[in-house]
């Protein structure tokens, strides 16, 4: 997955909950009555996006060398 697509997925993770909140306000204001469906679907959609983005990260970092431990500097011996 390209970095651009990965960044887009992460952006969706941030925007979707805000859009759901906006829909909730509009639903109450106009009496549409579908907020319970939206409340049930939004966490599922966010979870799916997270799993896709995580798989992308795992694939990307599996080809990279990452330092996992930094050794402290040794004290000079006298």
N, C-alpha and C. Protein backbone atom coordinates (compact mmCIF):
# COMPACT_ATOMS: atom_id res chain seq x y z
N UNK A 1 0.85 -1.17 0.00
CA UNK A 1 0.00 0.00 0.00
C UNK A 1 0.90 1.24 0.00
N UNK A 2 0.52 2.20 -0.78
CA UNK A 2 1.32 3.42 -0.87
C UNK A 2 1.16 4.27 0.39
N UNK A 3 2.13 5.14 0.62
CA UNK A 3 2.08 6.02 1.78
C UNK A 3 0.87 6.95 1.69
N UNK A 4 0.55 7.38 0.48
CA UNK A 4 -0.59 8.28 0.29
C UNK A 4 -1.89 7.58 0.72
N UNK A 5 -2.07 6.32 0.32
CA UNK A 5 -3.27 5.58 0.69
C UNK A 5 -3.31 5.31 2.20
N UNK A 6 -2.14 4.99 2.76
CA UNK A 6 -2.05 4.76 4.21
C UNK A 6 -2.43 6.03 4.99
N UNK A 7 -1.90 7.17 4.56
CA UNK A 7 -2.23 8.44 5.21
C UNK A 7 -3.72 8.77 5.07
N UNK A 8 -4.31 8.42 3.93
CA UNK A 8 -5.73 8.65 3.72
C UNK A 8 -6.56 7.81 4.70
N UNK A 9 -6.17 6.55 4.91
CA UNK A 9 -6.88 5.70 5.86
C UNK A 9 -6.81 6.28 7.27
N UNK A 10 -5.63 6.76 7.64
CA UNK A 10 -5.48 7.36 8.96
C UNK A 10 -6.32 8.63 9.08
N UNK A 11 -6.42 9.39 8.02
CA UNK A 11 -7.27 10.59 8.03
C UNK A 11 -8.74 10.20 8.19
N UNK A 12 -9.16 9.15 7.52
CA UNK A 12 -10.53 8.69 7.68
C UNK A 12 -10.83 8.30 9.12
N UNK A 13 -9.85 7.70 9.79
CA UNK A 13 -10.04 7.34 11.19
C UNK A 13 -10.33 8.56 12.05
N UNK A 14 -9.78 9.68 11.69
CA UNK A 14 -10.00 10.90 12.45
C UNK A 14 -11.32 11.58 12.09
N UNK A 15 -11.69 11.53 10.83
CA UNK A 15 -12.84 12.28 10.34
C UNK A 15 -14.16 11.56 10.58
N UNK A 16 -14.21 10.26 10.44
CA UNK A 16 -15.48 9.52 10.53
C UNK A 16 -16.18 9.73 11.86
N UNK A 17 -15.49 9.65 13.01
CA UNK A 17 -16.20 9.91 14.27
C UNK A 17 -16.78 11.32 14.35
N UNK A 18 -16.07 12.30 13.80
CA UNK A 18 -16.59 13.67 13.80
C UNK A 18 -17.84 13.79 12.92
N UNK A 19 -17.81 13.13 11.78
CA UNK A 19 -18.98 13.15 10.90
C UNK A 19 -20.16 12.44 11.56
N UNK A 20 -19.88 11.37 12.29
CA UNK A 20 -20.96 10.67 13.00
C UNK A 20 -21.56 11.56 14.09
N UNK A 21 -20.71 12.31 14.77
CA UNK A 21 -21.21 13.24 15.78
C UNK A 21 -22.08 14.32 15.16
N UNK A 22 -21.63 14.85 14.04
CA UNK A 22 -22.42 15.84 13.32
C UNK A 22 -23.76 15.26 12.89
N UNK A 23 -23.73 14.04 12.39
CA UNK A 23 -24.98 13.39 11.99
C UNK A 23 -25.90 13.21 13.20
N UNK A 24 -25.33 12.88 14.36
CA UNK A 24 -26.13 12.72 15.57
C UNK A 24 -26.86 14.00 15.93
N UNK A 25 -26.18 15.12 15.83
CA UNK A 25 -26.80 16.41 16.12
C UNK A 25 -27.92 16.70 15.12
N UNK A 26 -27.63 16.47 13.84
CA UNK A 26 -28.64 16.71 12.81
C UNK A 26 -29.82 15.75 12.96
N UNK A 27 -29.54 14.51 13.35
CA UNK A 27 -30.59 13.52 13.55
C UNK A 27 -31.56 13.96 14.64
N UNK A 28 -31.01 14.47 15.73
CA UNK A 28 -31.87 14.95 16.81
C UNK A 28 -32.64 16.19 16.38
N UNK A 29 -31.96 17.09 15.68
CA UNK A 29 -32.59 18.34 15.27
C UNK A 29 -33.74 18.13 14.28
N UNK A 30 -33.54 17.20 13.35
CA UNK A 30 -34.54 16.99 12.31
C UNK A 30 -35.41 15.76 12.52
N UNK A 31 -35.12 14.98 13.55
CA UNK A 31 -35.95 13.83 13.88
C UNK A 31 -35.88 12.70 12.88
N UNK A 32 -34.72 12.46 12.29
CA UNK A 32 -34.58 11.40 11.30
C UNK A 32 -34.72 10.01 11.92
N UNK A 33 -34.17 9.83 13.13
CA UNK A 33 -34.34 8.58 13.85
C UNK A 33 -33.44 7.43 13.44
N UNK A 34 -32.29 7.72 12.83
CA UNK A 34 -31.39 6.64 12.40
C UNK A 34 -30.05 6.66 13.13
N UNK A 35 -29.93 7.45 14.18
CA UNK A 35 -28.64 7.58 14.84
C UNK A 35 -28.18 6.27 15.47
N UNK A 36 -29.09 5.42 15.90
CA UNK A 36 -28.69 4.16 16.52
C UNK A 36 -27.96 3.26 15.52
N UNK A 37 -28.36 3.30 14.27
CA UNK A 37 -27.68 2.53 13.23
C UNK A 37 -26.28 3.09 12.99
N UNK A 38 -26.19 4.40 12.93
CA UNK A 38 -24.89 5.05 12.72
C UNK A 38 -23.97 4.76 13.90
N UNK A 39 -24.49 4.86 15.12
CA UNK A 39 -23.68 4.58 16.30
C UNK A 39 -23.16 3.15 16.31
N UNK A 40 -23.91 2.23 15.76
CA UNK A 40 -23.48 0.84 15.70
C UNK A 40 -22.45 0.59 14.60
N UNK A 41 -22.57 1.31 13.50
CA UNK A 41 -21.70 1.06 12.35
C UNK A 41 -20.35 1.78 12.42
N UNK A 42 -20.32 2.94 13.02
CA UNK A 42 -19.08 3.73 13.03
C UNK A 42 -17.91 2.99 13.70
N UNK A 43 -18.07 2.41 14.88
CA UNK A 43 -16.93 1.68 15.47
C UNK A 43 -16.45 0.52 14.60
N UNK A 44 -17.38 -0.15 13.95
CA UNK A 44 -17.02 -1.25 13.06
C UNK A 44 -16.19 -0.75 11.88
N UNK A 45 -16.62 0.33 11.27
CA UNK A 45 -15.89 0.90 10.13
C UNK A 45 -14.49 1.37 10.57
N UNK A 46 -14.41 2.03 11.70
CA UNK A 46 -13.11 2.49 12.21
C UNK A 46 -12.20 1.30 12.50
N UNK A 47 -12.75 0.25 13.05
CA UNK A 47 -11.97 -0.95 13.34
C UNK A 47 -11.42 -1.59 12.06
N UNK A 48 -12.24 -1.68 11.05
CA UNK A 48 -11.80 -2.26 9.77
C UNK A 48 -10.69 -1.41 9.17
N UNK A 49 -10.86 -0.10 9.18
CA UNK A 49 -9.82 0.79 8.65
C UNK A 49 -8.53 0.62 9.45
N UNK A 50 -8.64 0.50 10.75
CA UNK A 50 -7.45 0.33 11.60
C UNK A 50 -6.72 -0.96 11.27
N UNK A 51 -7.45 -2.04 11.06
CA UNK A 51 -6.82 -3.31 10.72
C UNK A 51 -6.11 -3.24 9.37
N UNK A 52 -6.71 -2.59 8.42
CA UNK A 52 -6.08 -2.45 7.10
C UNK A 52 -4.81 -1.60 7.22
N UNK A 53 -4.89 -0.49 7.95
CA UNK A 53 -3.72 0.38 8.10
C UNK A 53 -2.62 -0.33 8.89
N UNK A 54 -2.99 -1.12 9.91
CA UNK A 54 -1.99 -1.84 10.69
C UNK A 54 -1.30 -2.90 9.85
N UNK A 55 -2.05 -3.60 9.03
CA UNK A 55 -1.44 -4.60 8.13
C UNK A 55 -0.47 -3.92 7.17
N UNK A 56 -0.84 -2.74 6.70
CA UNK A 56 0.03 -1.98 5.83
C UNK A 56 1.32 -1.60 6.55
N UNK A 57 1.20 -1.15 7.80
CA UNK A 57 2.38 -0.78 8.59
C UNK A 57 3.27 -1.99 8.84
N UNK A 58 2.66 -3.12 9.17
CA UNK A 58 3.45 -4.33 9.42
C UNK A 58 4.22 -4.75 8.18
N UNK A 59 3.57 -4.68 7.03
CA UNK A 59 4.25 -5.03 5.78
C UNK A 59 5.39 -4.06 5.49
N UNK A 60 5.16 -2.79 5.70
CA UNK A 60 6.19 -1.77 5.45
C UNK A 60 7.39 -1.98 6.37
N UNK A 61 7.13 -2.16 7.66
CA UNK A 61 8.23 -2.27 8.60
C UNK A 61 8.90 -3.64 8.58
N UNK A 62 8.29 -4.63 7.97
CA UNK A 62 8.94 -5.94 7.88
C UNK A 62 10.15 -5.89 6.96
N UNK A 63 10.22 -4.89 6.11
CA UNK A 63 11.35 -4.75 5.20
C UNK A 63 12.37 -3.72 5.68
N UNK A 64 12.16 -3.16 6.86
CA UNK A 64 13.04 -2.12 7.39
C UNK A 64 13.82 -2.65 8.58
N UNK A 65 14.98 -2.08 8.78
CA UNK A 65 15.78 -2.41 9.94
C UNK A 65 15.53 -1.34 10.99
N UNK A 66 15.04 -1.77 12.15
CA UNK A 66 14.70 -0.83 13.21
C UNK A 66 15.51 -1.17 14.44
N UNK A 67 16.12 -0.17 15.03
CA UNK A 67 16.88 -0.38 16.26
C UNK A 67 15.89 -0.52 17.40
N UNK A 68 15.96 -1.63 18.12
CA UNK A 68 15.00 -1.86 19.18
C UNK A 68 15.58 -1.56 20.56
N UNK A 69 16.90 -1.46 20.65
CA UNK A 69 17.50 -1.21 21.95
C UNK A 69 18.69 -0.28 21.77
N UNK A 70 18.73 0.75 22.58
CA UNK A 70 19.85 1.68 22.53
C UNK A 70 20.70 1.41 23.78
N UNK A 71 21.95 1.12 23.55
CA UNK A 71 22.84 0.83 24.66
C UNK A 71 23.36 2.13 25.24
N UNK A 72 23.45 2.23 26.56
CA UNK A 72 23.99 3.45 27.16
C UNK A 72 25.48 3.60 26.87
N UNK A 73 25.91 4.84 26.86
CA UNK A 73 27.35 5.09 26.65
C UNK A 73 28.13 4.50 27.80
N UNK A 74 29.31 3.96 27.48
CA UNK A 74 30.16 3.40 28.52
C UNK A 74 30.94 4.53 29.18
N UNK A 75 31.08 4.41 30.49
CA UNK A 75 31.88 5.38 31.22
C UNK A 75 33.35 5.13 30.93
N UNK A 76 34.10 6.20 30.72
CA UNK A 76 35.54 6.01 30.47
C UNK A 76 36.22 5.43 31.71
N UNK A 77 37.08 4.45 31.47
CA UNK A 77 37.80 3.81 32.58
C UNK A 77 39.01 4.65 32.93
N UNK A 78 39.30 4.71 34.25
CA UNK A 78 40.45 5.52 34.70
C UNK A 78 41.69 4.69 34.77
